[in-house]
Amino acid sequence: MSTQPTPRRALIVIDVQNEYVSGKLPIEHPPVAGSLLQIGRAMDAARAAGIPVLVVQHTEAASSPLFATGSHGWALHEVVASRPRDHLIEKQWPSVFTGTGFADWLAGAGIDTLSVVGYMTQNCNASTLIEATHRGFAVELLSDASGTLSFENAAGRASAEEIHRVFSVVFHTRFAAVTGTDDWIAAVQAGRAMARDSIPASNARTRAR
């Protein structure tokens, strides 16, 4: 009987910067203290398993009100800054692929699976994991090691909980296996892949009610 090959993972730690913790865009859901704890656990588990850790840092001009290069808000949060990493990428756009050497780094490392943690669920995480799917990677999102904010504008209002939950459901239908850190660590230790769902199966469950 054939077995599924062991995933060649990289852990992608997106924008875990002070701006999202003690700065102007504090993460609301899941509570940031909890997601930071899980991000640290994922980084430690990846290191123990020999999985490369790539840290991503969003960078804007020094005059920018957010993520201004060299500022406290721009700096990596201590949970990430204090841990070893294999590579650091600075980006200016939501997707880690845009305007960086990310794709080349992945190819050079022989990676086929991206495990994503960090901020924000619907913005940089979404942009990265959707593009990764288009490029043929398997993708995993650790939902308790990521998070977002609430928003209100001319289109309406959405709470951080709503955004995180709805995007997680949508991701799992097509773009990523959405999981918790405990289950991801167990999969890493077992050397097994994590499966996403599908659009028709996810929809069928709602129609079967």
N, C-alpha and C. Protein backbone atom coordinates (compact mmCIF):
# COMPACT_ATOMS: atom_id res chain seq x y z
N MET A 1 0.84 -1.18 0.00
CA MET A 1 0.00 0.00 0.00
C MET A 1 0.89 1.25 0.00
N SER A 2 0.58 2.23 -0.86
CA SER A 2 1.37 3.45 -0.92
C SER A 2 1.01 4.36 0.25
N THR A 3 1.98 5.10 0.70
CA THR A 3 1.75 6.04 1.78
C THR A 3 2.01 7.45 1.28
N GLN A 4 1.37 8.41 1.92
CA GLN A 4 1.55 9.80 1.54
C GLN A 4 2.94 10.26 1.98
N PRO A 5 3.67 10.96 1.10
CA PRO A 5 5.00 11.41 1.49
C PRO A 5 4.96 12.41 2.63
N THR A 6 6.04 12.44 3.41
CA THR A 6 6.13 13.40 4.51
C THR A 6 6.21 14.81 3.96
N PRO A 7 5.40 15.73 4.46
CA PRO A 7 5.46 17.10 3.96
C PRO A 7 6.84 17.73 4.20
N ARG A 8 7.28 18.52 3.25
CA ARG A 8 8.50 19.30 3.42
C ARG A 8 8.06 20.71 3.82
N ARG A 9 7.89 20.89 5.10
CA ARG A 9 7.28 22.10 5.63
C ARG A 9 8.29 23.23 5.85
N ALA A 10 7.75 24.45 5.81
CA ALA A 10 8.40 25.62 6.40
C ALA A 10 7.36 26.33 7.23
N LEU A 11 7.76 26.83 8.39
CA LEU A 11 6.87 27.63 9.22
C LEU A 11 7.07 29.09 8.85
N ILE A 12 5.99 29.75 8.41
CA ILE A 12 6.04 31.14 7.97
C ILE A 12 5.39 32.00 9.06
N VAL A 13 6.20 32.82 9.72
CA VAL A 13 5.75 33.64 10.84
C VAL A 13 5.55 35.06 10.33
N ILE A 14 4.29 35.45 10.11
CA ILE A 14 3.99 36.68 9.40
C ILE A 14 3.69 37.84 10.35
N ASP A 15 4.51 38.87 10.27
CA ASP A 15 4.24 40.19 10.87
C ASP A 15 3.90 40.15 12.36
N VAL A 16 4.64 39.36 13.11
CA VAL A 16 4.42 39.34 14.56
C VAL A 16 5.27 40.48 15.13
N GLN A 17 4.72 41.68 15.02
CA GLN A 17 5.42 42.92 15.35
C GLN A 17 4.69 43.67 16.44
N ASN A 18 5.39 44.55 17.10
CA ASN A 18 4.80 45.26 18.23
C ASN A 18 3.57 46.08 17.86
N GLU A 19 3.48 46.51 16.61
CA GLU A 19 2.31 47.29 16.18
C GLU A 19 1.02 46.55 16.47
N TYR A 20 1.05 45.21 16.40
CA TYR A 20 -0.14 44.40 16.61
C TYR A 20 -0.35 44.01 18.07
N VAL A 21 0.57 44.40 18.94
CA VAL A 21 0.47 44.00 20.34
C VAL A 21 0.32 45.22 21.24
N SER A 22 1.28 46.13 21.18
CA SER A 22 1.26 47.31 22.03
C SER A 22 1.20 48.60 21.22
N GLY A 23 0.98 48.47 19.90
CA GLY A 23 0.96 49.62 19.02
C GLY A 23 -0.43 50.09 18.66
N LYS A 24 -0.57 50.57 17.41
CA LYS A 24 -1.81 51.20 16.98
C LYS A 24 -2.84 50.23 16.41
N LEU A 25 -2.48 48.96 16.24
CA LEU A 25 -3.39 47.97 15.67
C LEU A 25 -3.43 46.71 16.55
N PRO A 26 -3.84 46.82 17.80
CA PRO A 26 -3.80 45.65 18.68
C PRO A 26 -4.76 44.55 18.25
N ILE A 27 -4.23 43.35 18.10
CA ILE A 27 -5.03 42.19 17.72
C ILE A 27 -6.09 41.92 18.78
N GLU A 28 -7.32 41.65 18.34
CA GLU A 28 -8.44 41.45 19.25
C GLU A 28 -8.85 39.98 19.40
N HIS A 29 -8.85 39.25 18.28
CA HIS A 29 -9.35 37.86 18.34
C HIS A 29 -8.55 36.97 17.38
N PRO A 30 -8.14 35.80 17.88
CA PRO A 30 -8.14 35.39 19.28
C PRO A 30 -7.31 36.37 20.12
N PRO A 31 -7.52 36.39 21.44
CA PRO A 31 -6.77 37.31 22.28
C PRO A 31 -5.27 37.20 22.01
N VAL A 32 -4.63 38.35 21.90
CA VAL A 32 -3.25 38.36 21.41
C VAL A 32 -2.29 37.62 22.34
N ALA A 33 -2.52 37.66 23.63
CA ALA A 33 -1.63 36.94 24.54
C ALA A 33 -1.64 35.44 24.23
N GLY A 34 -2.83 34.92 23.92
CA GLY A 34 -2.94 33.51 23.59
C GLY A 34 -2.30 33.16 22.26
N SER A 35 -2.53 34.00 21.24
CA SER A 35 -1.94 33.69 19.93
C SER A 35 -0.42 33.80 19.97
N LEU A 36 0.11 34.75 20.74
CA LEU A 36 1.57 34.85 20.88
C LEU A 36 2.15 33.60 21.53
N LEU A 37 1.46 33.08 22.53
CA LEU A 37 1.91 31.84 23.17
C LEU A 37 1.96 30.70 22.15
N GLN A 38 0.92 30.58 21.33
CA GLN A 38 0.88 29.50 20.35
C GLN A 38 1.93 29.70 19.25
N ILE A 39 2.18 30.94 18.86
CA ILE A 39 3.23 31.21 17.87
C ILE A 39 4.59 30.74 18.41
N GLY A 40 4.85 31.06 19.67
CA GLY A 40 6.10 30.59 20.26
C GLY A 40 6.19 29.08 20.30
N ARG A 41 5.10 28.42 20.65
CA ARG A 41 5.08 26.95 20.68
C ARG A 41 5.33 26.36 19.29
N ALA A 42 4.70 26.97 18.27
CA ALA A 42 4.90 26.48 16.91
C ALA A 42 6.35 26.64 16.47
N MET A 43 6.95 27.78 16.80
CA MET A 43 8.36 27.99 16.44
C MET A 43 9.26 26.98 17.15
N ASP A 44 9.00 26.72 18.41
CA ASP A 44 9.81 25.75 19.15
C ASP A 44 9.64 24.34 18.57
N ALA A 45 8.41 23.97 18.23
CA ALA A 45 8.16 22.65 17.67
C ALA A 45 8.82 22.50 16.30
N ALA A 46 8.75 23.56 15.49
CA ALA A 46 9.40 23.52 14.18
C ALA A 46 10.90 23.33 14.34
N ARG A 47 11.50 24.07 15.25
CA ARG A 47 12.94 23.94 15.48
C ARG A 47 13.30 22.54 15.91
N ALA A 48 12.51 21.97 16.82
CA ALA A 48 12.79 20.62 17.30
C ALA A 48 12.67 19.58 16.21
N ALA A 49 11.78 19.84 15.23
CA ALA A 49 11.54 18.88 14.14
C ALA A 49 12.43 19.13 12.92
N GLY A 50 13.28 20.15 12.98
CA GLY A 50 14.12 20.46 11.83
C GLY A 50 13.41 21.16 10.70
N ILE A 51 12.25 21.78 11.01
CA ILE A 51 11.49 22.53 10.02
C ILE A 51 12.03 23.96 9.97
N PRO A 52 12.38 24.46 8.80
CA PRO A 52 12.89 25.84 8.74
C PRO A 52 11.83 26.85 9.14
N VAL A 53 12.28 27.88 9.83
CA VAL A 53 11.41 28.96 10.30
C VAL A 53 11.76 30.23 9.53
N LEU A 54 10.79 30.76 8.82
CA LEU A 54 10.97 32.00 8.08
C LEU A 54 10.14 33.08 8.75
N VAL A 55 10.78 34.14 9.16
CA VAL A 55 10.12 35.26 9.83
C VAL A 55 9.94 36.39 8.83
N VAL A 56 8.72 36.94 8.81
CA VAL A 56 8.37 38.02 7.89
C VAL A 56 8.09 39.28 8.69
N GLN A 57 8.61 40.40 8.21
CA GLN A 57 8.47 41.68 8.90
C GLN A 57 7.97 42.72 7.91
N HIS A 58 6.79 43.28 8.19
CA HIS A 58 6.25 44.32 7.31
C HIS A 58 6.97 45.64 7.58
N THR A 59 7.38 46.30 6.51
CA THR A 59 8.20 47.51 6.64
C THR A 59 7.64 48.63 5.78
N GLU A 60 7.45 49.79 6.41
CA GLU A 60 7.04 51.00 5.69
C GLU A 60 8.12 52.07 5.87
N ALA A 61 7.97 53.17 5.15
CA ALA A 61 8.92 54.27 5.25
C ALA A 61 8.97 54.82 6.67
N ALA A 62 10.07 55.47 7.00
CA ALA A 62 10.25 56.02 8.35
C ALA A 62 9.19 57.06 8.69
N SER A 63 8.58 57.66 7.68
CA SER A 63 7.54 58.67 7.90
C SER A 63 6.15 58.08 8.04
N SER A 64 6.00 56.80 7.87
CA SER A 64 4.69 56.15 7.91
C SER A 64 4.13 56.14 9.33
N PRO A 65 2.79 56.27 9.47
CA PRO A 65 2.19 56.19 10.80
C PRO A 65 2.14 54.78 11.37
N LEU A 66 2.33 53.77 10.53
CA LEU A 66 2.30 52.38 10.95
C LEU A 66 3.51 51.64 10.38
N PHE A 67 4.10 50.76 11.19
CA PHE A 67 5.20 49.91 10.75
C PHE A 67 6.36 50.71 10.16
N ALA A 68 6.60 51.90 10.70
CA ALA A 68 7.69 52.74 10.22
C ALA A 68 9.03 52.09 10.55
N THR A 69 9.85 51.89 9.54
CA THR A 69 11.12 51.21 9.73
C THR A 69 11.92 51.84 10.88
N GLY A 70 12.43 51.00 11.74
CA GLY A 70 13.21 51.46 12.88
C GLY A 70 12.39 51.81 14.11
N SER A 71 11.06 51.85 14.00
CA SER A 71 10.22 52.23 15.13
C SER A 71 9.94 51.04 16.04
N HIS A 72 9.41 51.35 17.23
CA HIS A 72 9.02 50.28 18.16
C HIS A 72 7.92 49.42 17.56
N GLY A 73 6.93 50.04 16.90
CA GLY A 73 5.85 49.28 16.30
C GLY A 73 6.32 48.34 15.20
N TRP A 74 7.34 48.75 14.47
CA TRP A 74 7.89 47.94 13.38
C TRP A 74 8.67 46.74 13.89
N ALA A 75 9.26 46.85 15.06
CA ALA A 75 10.14 45.80 15.58
C ALA A 75 9.39 44.50 15.80
N LEU A 76 10.09 43.40 15.61
CA LEU A 76 9.50 42.09 15.89
C LEU A 76 9.19 41.97 17.39
N HIS A 77 8.05 41.36 17.69
CA HIS A 77 7.70 41.13 19.09
C HIS A 77 8.71 40.17 19.70
N GLU A 78 8.92 40.32 20.99
CA GLU A 78 9.93 39.53 21.69
C GLU A 78 9.71 38.03 21.55
N VAL A 79 8.46 37.58 21.48
CA VAL A 79 8.20 36.15 21.31
C VAL A 79 8.91 35.61 20.08
N VAL A 80 8.95 36.40 19.02
CA VAL A 80 9.62 35.98 17.78
C VAL A 80 11.08 36.40 17.78
N ALA A 81 11.35 37.63 18.21
CA ALA A 81 12.73 38.14 18.16
C ALA A 81 13.68 37.32 19.02
N SER A 82 13.17 36.71 20.09
CA SER A 82 14.02 35.96 21.01
C SER A 82 14.29 34.53 20.56
N ARG A 83 13.65 34.11 19.49
CA ARG A 83 13.79 32.72 19.04
C ARG A 83 14.61 32.66 17.75
N PRO A 84 15.30 31.54 17.54
CA PRO A 84 16.09 31.42 16.32
C PRO A 84 15.21 31.32 15.07
N ARG A 85 15.74 31.77 13.97
CA ARG A 85 15.06 31.68 12.68
C ARG A 85 16.07 31.30 11.62
N ASP A 86 15.54 30.80 10.50
CA ASP A 86 16.41 30.42 9.40
C ASP A 86 16.52 31.50 8.34
N HIS A 87 15.53 32.37 8.29
CA HIS A 87 15.54 33.40 7.25
C HIS A 87 14.60 34.52 7.67
N LEU A 88 14.95 35.75 7.29
CA LEU A 88 14.10 36.92 7.55
C LEU A 88 13.80 37.60 6.23
N ILE A 89 12.52 37.92 6.02
CA ILE A 89 12.10 38.65 4.82
C ILE A 89 11.37 39.90 5.25
N GLU A 90 11.74 41.03 4.69
CA GLU A 90 10.97 42.25 4.85
C GLU A 90 10.08 42.42 3.63
N LYS A 91 8.83 42.83 3.86
CA LYS A 91 7.89 43.00 2.77
C LYS A 91 7.18 44.34 2.89
N GLN A 92 6.64 44.80 1.75
CA GLN A 92 5.87 46.04 1.71
C GLN A 92 4.43 45.83 1.28
N TRP A 93 4.10 44.61 0.86
CA TRP A 93 2.75 44.29 0.38
C TRP A 93 2.17 43.18 1.24
N PRO A 94 0.86 42.96 1.17
CA PRO A 94 0.28 41.90 2.01
C PRO A 94 0.86 40.51 1.77
N SER A 95 0.98 40.09 0.52
CA SER A 95 1.52 38.76 0.25
C SER A 95 3.02 38.73 0.44
N VAL A 96 3.50 37.71 1.12
CA VAL A 96 4.94 37.55 1.30
C VAL A 96 5.64 37.31 -0.03
N PHE A 97 4.91 36.84 -1.03
CA PHE A 97 5.52 36.58 -2.34
C PHE A 97 5.85 37.86 -3.11
N THR A 98 5.16 38.95 -2.84
CA THR A 98 5.24 40.14 -3.69
C THR A 98 6.46 41.00 -3.35
N GLY A 99 7.33 41.14 -4.34
CA GLY A 99 8.49 42.01 -4.20
C GLY A 99 9.55 41.50 -3.25
N THR A 100 9.58 40.21 -3.00
CA THR A 100 10.57 39.60 -2.10
C THR A 100 11.22 38.41 -2.80
N GLY A 101 12.17 37.80 -2.13
CA GLY A 101 12.79 36.58 -2.65
C GLY A 101 12.17 35.32 -2.06
N PHE A 102 10.94 35.44 -1.58
CA PHE A 102 10.29 34.32 -0.88
C PHE A 102 10.20 33.07 -1.75
N ALA A 103 9.70 33.21 -2.98
CA ALA A 103 9.53 32.03 -3.85
C ALA A 103 10.86 31.35 -4.11
N ASP A 104 11.90 32.14 -4.33
CA ASP A 104 13.23 31.57 -4.59
C ASP A 104 13.74 30.84 -3.36
N TRP A 105 13.50 31.42 -2.18
CA TRP A 105 13.94 30.76 -0.95
C TRP A 105 13.24 29.41 -0.78
N LEU A 106 11.94 29.38 -1.02
CA LEU A 106 11.19 28.13 -0.90
C LEU A 106 11.71 27.08 -1.86
N ALA A 107 11.97 27.50 -3.11
CA ALA A 107 12.47 26.55 -4.11
C ALA A 107 13.83 26.02 -3.70
N GLY A 108 14.70 26.89 -3.22
CA GLY A 108 16.03 26.46 -2.81
C GLY A 108 16.01 25.51 -1.63
N ALA A 109 15.01 25.65 -0.78
CA ALA A 109 14.91 24.79 0.40
C ALA A 109 14.09 23.53 0.14
N GLY A 110 13.52 23.40 -1.05
CA GLY A 110 12.73 22.21 -1.39
C GLY A 110 11.44 22.10 -0.63
N ILE A 111 10.83 23.23 -0.32
CA ILE A 111 9.60 23.25 0.48
C ILE A 111 8.38 22.98 -0.39
N ASP A 112 7.46 22.16 0.11
CA ASP A 112 6.19 21.95 -0.59
C ASP A 112 4.97 22.30 0.25
N THR A 113 5.18 22.60 1.53
CA THR A 113 4.07 22.88 2.45
C THR A 113 4.40 24.10 3.30
N LEU A 114 3.51 25.09 3.30
CA LEU A 114 3.68 26.29 4.11
C LEU A 114 2.74 26.22 5.31
N SER A 115 3.31 26.34 6.50
CA SER A 115 2.54 26.41 7.73
C SER A 115 2.57 27.86 8.19
N VAL A 116 1.41 28.50 8.25
CA VAL A 116 1.33 29.95 8.45
C VAL A 116 0.82 30.29 9.84
N VAL A 117 1.54 31.20 10.50
CA VAL A 117 1.07 31.81 11.74
C VAL A 117 1.30 33.31 11.64
N GLY A 118 0.63 34.07 12.50
CA GLY A 118 0.87 35.51 12.53
C GLY A 118 -0.35 36.32 12.17
N TYR A 119 -0.12 37.53 11.70
CA TYR A 119 -1.18 38.53 11.59
C TYR A 119 -1.18 39.21 10.23
N MET A 120 -2.30 39.70 9.67
CA MET A 120 -3.64 39.47 10.15
C MET A 120 -4.31 38.38 9.32
N THR A 121 -5.31 37.75 9.91
CA THR A 121 -5.98 36.62 9.27
C THR A 121 -6.41 36.93 7.84
N GLN A 122 -7.14 38.03 7.66
CA GLN A 122 -7.79 38.32 6.38
C GLN A 122 -6.90 39.13 5.44
N ASN A 123 -5.74 39.55 5.88
CA ASN A 123 -4.92 40.45 5.08
C ASN A 123 -3.64 39.75 4.62
N CYS A 124 -2.57 39.86 5.39
CA CYS A 124 -1.31 39.27 4.95
C CYS A 124 -1.35 37.74 4.97
N ASN A 125 -2.03 37.15 5.97
CA ASN A 125 -2.16 35.69 5.96
C ASN A 125 -2.95 35.23 4.75
N ALA A 126 -4.10 35.87 4.51
CA ALA A 126 -4.94 35.47 3.38
C ALA A 126 -4.22 35.64 2.06
N SER A 127 -3.59 36.79 1.86
CA SER A 127 -2.91 37.05 0.59
C SER A 127 -1.82 36.01 0.33
N THR A 128 -1.09 35.67 1.37
CA THR A 128 0.01 34.72 1.23
C THR A 128 -0.49 33.31 0.97
N LEU A 129 -1.46 32.86 1.74
CA LEU A 129 -1.87 31.46 1.59
C LEU A 129 -2.66 31.24 0.30
N ILE A 130 -3.41 32.24 -0.16
CA ILE A 130 -4.12 32.09 -1.43
C ILE A 130 -3.12 32.04 -2.58
N GLU A 131 -2.13 32.93 -2.56
CA GLU A 131 -1.13 32.89 -3.63
C GLU A 131 -0.33 31.60 -3.57
N ALA A 132 -0.03 31.12 -2.38
CA ALA A 132 0.70 29.86 -2.25
C ALA A 132 -0.08 28.71 -2.87
N THR A 133 -1.39 28.69 -2.65
CA THR A 133 -2.22 27.65 -3.26
C THR A 133 -2.16 27.74 -4.77
N HIS A 134 -2.24 28.95 -5.32
CA HIS A 134 -2.15 29.14 -6.77
C HIS A 134 -0.81 28.66 -7.31
N ARG A 135 0.23 28.73 -6.50
CA ARG A 135 1.56 28.32 -6.93
C ARG A 135 1.82 26.84 -6.70
N GLY A 136 0.84 26.12 -6.18
CA GLY A 136 0.95 24.68 -6.05
C GLY A 136 1.43 24.16 -4.71
N PHE A 137 1.53 25.02 -3.71
CA PHE A 137 1.94 24.58 -2.38
C PHE A 137 0.74 24.04 -1.60
N ALA A 138 0.99 23.09 -0.74
CA ALA A 138 0.03 22.78 0.32
C ALA A 138 0.19 23.84 1.39
N VAL A 139 -0.92 24.20 2.03
CA VAL A 139 -0.88 25.28 3.02
C VAL A 139 -1.63 24.85 4.27
N GLU A 140 -1.08 25.25 5.41
CA GLU A 140 -1.71 25.03 6.71
C GLU A 140 -1.77 26.37 7.44
N LEU A 141 -2.90 26.66 8.06
CA LEU A 141 -3.05 27.87 8.87
C LEU A 141 -3.35 27.46 10.30
N LEU A 142 -2.54 27.90 11.23
CA LEU A 142 -2.76 27.62 12.64
C LEU A 142 -3.67 28.71 13.20
N SER A 143 -4.94 28.38 13.36
CA SER A 143 -5.95 29.41 13.64
C SER A 143 -5.79 30.04 15.02
N ASP A 144 -5.25 29.30 15.98
CA ASP A 144 -5.06 29.87 17.31
C ASP A 144 -3.72 30.58 17.45
N ALA A 145 -2.94 30.57 16.37
CA ALA A 145 -1.65 31.26 16.33
C ALA A 145 -1.68 32.39 15.29
N SER A 146 -2.87 32.90 15.07
CA SER A 146 -3.08 34.03 14.15
C SER A 146 -4.20 34.87 14.74
N GLY A 147 -4.58 35.96 14.05
CA GLY A 147 -5.65 36.78 14.60
C GLY A 147 -5.86 38.05 13.81
N THR A 148 -6.87 38.82 14.25
CA THR A 148 -7.21 40.03 13.51
C THR A 148 -7.90 41.06 14.40
N LEU A 149 -8.40 42.12 13.74
CA LEU A 149 -9.03 43.27 14.38
C LEU A 149 -10.49 43.36 13.95
N SER A 150 -11.23 44.26 14.59
CA SER A 150 -12.57 44.62 14.12
C SER A 150 -12.47 45.81 13.17
N PHE A 151 -13.46 45.93 12.27
CA PHE A 151 -13.45 47.01 11.30
C PHE A 151 -14.85 47.58 11.12
N GLU A 152 -14.91 48.87 10.81
CA GLU A 152 -16.16 49.51 10.44
C GLU A 152 -15.85 50.55 9.38
N ASN A 153 -16.62 50.51 8.28
CA ASN A 153 -16.44 51.49 7.21
C ASN A 153 -17.74 51.59 6.43
N ALA A 154 -17.70 52.20 5.25
CA ALA A 154 -18.92 52.42 4.47
C ALA A 154 -19.60 51.12 4.07
N ALA A 155 -18.87 50.02 4.06
CA ALA A 155 -19.46 48.73 3.68
C ALA A 155 -20.14 48.03 4.84
N GLY A 156 -19.91 48.51 6.07
CA GLY A 156 -20.53 47.87 7.23
C GLY A 156 -19.55 47.68 8.36
N ARG A 157 -19.90 46.79 9.28
CA ARG A 157 -19.06 46.50 10.43
C ARG A 157 -18.89 45.01 10.58
N ALA A 158 -17.69 44.59 10.98
CA ALA A 158 -17.43 43.19 11.26
C ALA A 158 -16.51 43.09 12.46
N SER A 159 -16.86 42.25 13.41
CA SER A 159 -16.03 42.08 14.59
C SER A 159 -14.83 41.22 14.25
N ALA A 160 -13.82 41.30 15.07
CA ALA A 160 -12.63 40.47 14.88
C ALA A 160 -12.99 38.99 14.93
N GLU A 161 -13.88 38.62 15.83
CA GLU A 161 -14.28 37.21 15.93
C GLU A 161 -14.95 36.75 14.64
N GLU A 162 -15.85 37.58 14.10
CA GLU A 162 -16.53 37.22 12.85
C GLU A 162 -15.54 37.05 11.71
N ILE A 163 -14.65 38.01 11.57
CA ILE A 163 -13.68 37.96 10.48
C ILE A 163 -12.81 36.72 10.58
N HIS A 164 -12.28 36.46 11.77
CA HIS A 164 -11.38 35.31 11.94
C HIS A 164 -12.11 34.00 11.69
N ARG A 165 -13.32 33.89 12.21
CA ARG A 165 -14.09 32.65 12.04
C ARG A 165 -14.47 32.44 10.59
N VAL A 166 -15.03 33.46 9.94
CA VAL A 166 -15.50 33.30 8.57
C VAL A 166 -14.33 33.03 7.61
N PHE A 167 -13.26 33.78 7.76
CA PHE A 167 -12.11 33.53 6.89
C PHE A 167 -11.55 32.13 7.11
N SER A 168 -11.51 31.68 8.36
CA SER A 168 -11.01 30.33 8.63
C SER A 168 -11.86 29.27 7.93
N VAL A 169 -13.18 29.44 7.99
CA VAL A 169 -14.08 28.49 7.31
C VAL A 169 -13.84 28.51 5.81
N VAL A 170 -13.74 29.71 5.24
CA VAL A 170 -13.52 29.84 3.79
C VAL A 170 -12.17 29.25 3.40
N PHE A 171 -11.13 29.56 4.15
CA PHE A 171 -9.82 28.99 3.84
C PHE A 171 -9.87 27.47 3.79
N HIS A 172 -10.56 26.88 4.78
CA HIS A 172 -10.54 25.42 4.90
C HIS A 172 -11.30 24.74 3.77
N THR A 173 -12.17 25.46 3.09
CA THR A 173 -12.89 24.85 1.97
C THR A 173 -11.99 24.64 0.76
N ARG A 174 -10.90 25.42 0.65
CA ARG A 174 -10.12 25.33 -0.59
C ARG A 174 -8.64 25.66 -0.43
N PHE A 175 -8.32 26.65 0.38
CA PHE A 175 -6.98 27.23 0.32
C PHE A 175 -6.00 26.72 1.37
N ALA A 176 -6.48 26.20 2.47
CA ALA A 176 -5.56 25.77 3.53
C ALA A 176 -6.25 24.80 4.48
N ALA A 177 -5.45 23.92 5.05
CA ALA A 177 -5.93 23.10 6.17
C ALA A 177 -5.86 23.98 7.41
N VAL A 178 -7.00 24.33 7.96
CA VAL A 178 -7.05 25.18 9.15
C VAL A 178 -7.06 24.29 10.39
N THR A 179 -6.15 24.54 11.29
CA THR A 179 -5.97 23.64 12.42
C THR A 179 -5.52 24.43 13.63
N GLY A 180 -5.48 23.77 14.78
CA GLY A 180 -4.94 24.35 15.99
C GLY A 180 -3.48 23.96 16.17
N THR A 181 -2.79 24.68 17.02
CA THR A 181 -1.37 24.42 17.22
C THR A 181 -1.11 23.03 17.76
N ASP A 182 -1.93 22.55 18.70
CA ASP A 182 -1.74 21.21 19.25
C ASP A 182 -1.79 20.16 18.15
N ASP A 183 -2.81 20.23 17.29
CA ASP A 183 -2.96 19.25 16.22
C ASP A 183 -1.84 19.37 15.20
N TRP A 184 -1.39 20.60 14.95
CA TRP A 184 -0.29 20.79 14.00
C TRP A 184 0.99 20.18 14.55
N ILE A 185 1.27 20.40 15.82
CA ILE A 185 2.47 19.81 16.41
C ILE A 185 2.41 18.29 16.35
N ALA A 186 1.24 17.72 16.62
CA ALA A 186 1.10 16.26 16.53
C ALA A 186 1.36 15.77 15.11
N ALA A 187 0.86 16.50 14.10
CA ALA A 187 1.08 16.12 12.71
C ALA A 187 2.56 16.24 12.35
N VAL A 188 3.22 17.29 12.82
CA VAL A 188 4.65 17.46 12.58
C VAL A 188 5.43 16.29 13.18
N GLN A 189 5.12 15.94 14.40
CA GLN A 189 5.85 14.87 15.07
C GLN A 189 5.61 13.51 14.41
N ALA A 190 4.41 13.36 13.81
CA ALA A 190 4.09 12.11 13.11
C ALA A 190 4.54 12.12 11.65
N GLY A 191 4.97 13.27 11.16
CA GLY A 191 5.40 13.37 9.77
C GLY A 191 4.27 13.22 8.78
N ARG A 192 3.09 13.68 9.16
CA ARG A 192 1.94 13.51 8.27
C ARG A 192 1.39 14.86 7.80
N ALA A 193 0.74 14.83 6.66
CA ALA A 193 0.11 16.02 6.11
C ALA A 193 -1.22 16.27 6.80
N MET A 194 -1.70 17.51 6.70
CA MET A 194 -3.02 17.88 7.20
C MET A 194 -3.90 18.21 6.01
N ALA A 195 -5.12 17.70 6.02
CA ALA A 195 -6.00 17.84 4.86
C ALA A 195 -6.96 19.00 5.03
N ARG A 196 -7.15 19.76 3.98
CA ARG A 196 -8.21 20.75 3.95
C ARG A 196 -9.49 20.06 3.50
N ASP A 197 -10.60 20.77 3.55
CA ASP A 197 -11.87 20.24 3.09
C ASP A 197 -12.04 20.62 1.61
N SER A 198 -13.26 20.63 1.14
CA SER A 198 -13.54 21.03 -0.25
C SER A 198 -14.78 21.92 -0.27
N ILE A 199 -14.92 22.68 -1.33
CA ILE A 199 -16.09 23.56 -1.48
C ILE A 199 -17.39 22.75 -1.51
N PRO A 200 -17.50 21.72 -2.37
CA PRO A 200 -18.78 20.99 -2.41
C PRO A 200 -19.10 20.26 -1.11
N ALA A 201 -18.10 19.66 -0.47
CA ALA A 201 -18.37 18.95 0.78
C ALA A 201 -18.77 19.91 1.87
N SER A 202 -18.11 21.05 1.94
CA SER A 202 -18.45 22.03 2.96
C SER A 202 -19.85 22.58 2.76
N ASN A 203 -20.22 22.81 1.50
CA ASN A 203 -21.55 23.31 1.21
C ASN A 203 -22.62 22.26 1.46
N ALA A 204 -22.31 21.01 1.12
CA ALA A 204 -23.28 19.94 1.28
C ALA A 204 -23.70 19.77 2.73
N ARG A 205 -22.77 19.99 3.65
CA ARG A 205 -23.12 19.84 5.07
C ARG A 205 -24.18 20.87 5.49
N THR A 206 -24.11 22.06 4.95
CA THR A 206 -25.11 23.06 5.30
C THR A 206 -26.47 22.71 4.70
N ARG A 207 -26.48 22.13 3.49
CA ARG A 207 -27.74 21.79 2.84
C ARG A 207 -28.38 20.54 3.42
N ALA A 208 -27.59 19.74 4.12
CA ALA A 208 -28.09 18.51 4.72
C ALA A 208 -28.75 18.74 6.06
N ARG A 209 -28.68 19.95 6.58
CA ARG A 209 -29.26 20.23 7.89
C ARG A 209 -30.78 20.21 7.85
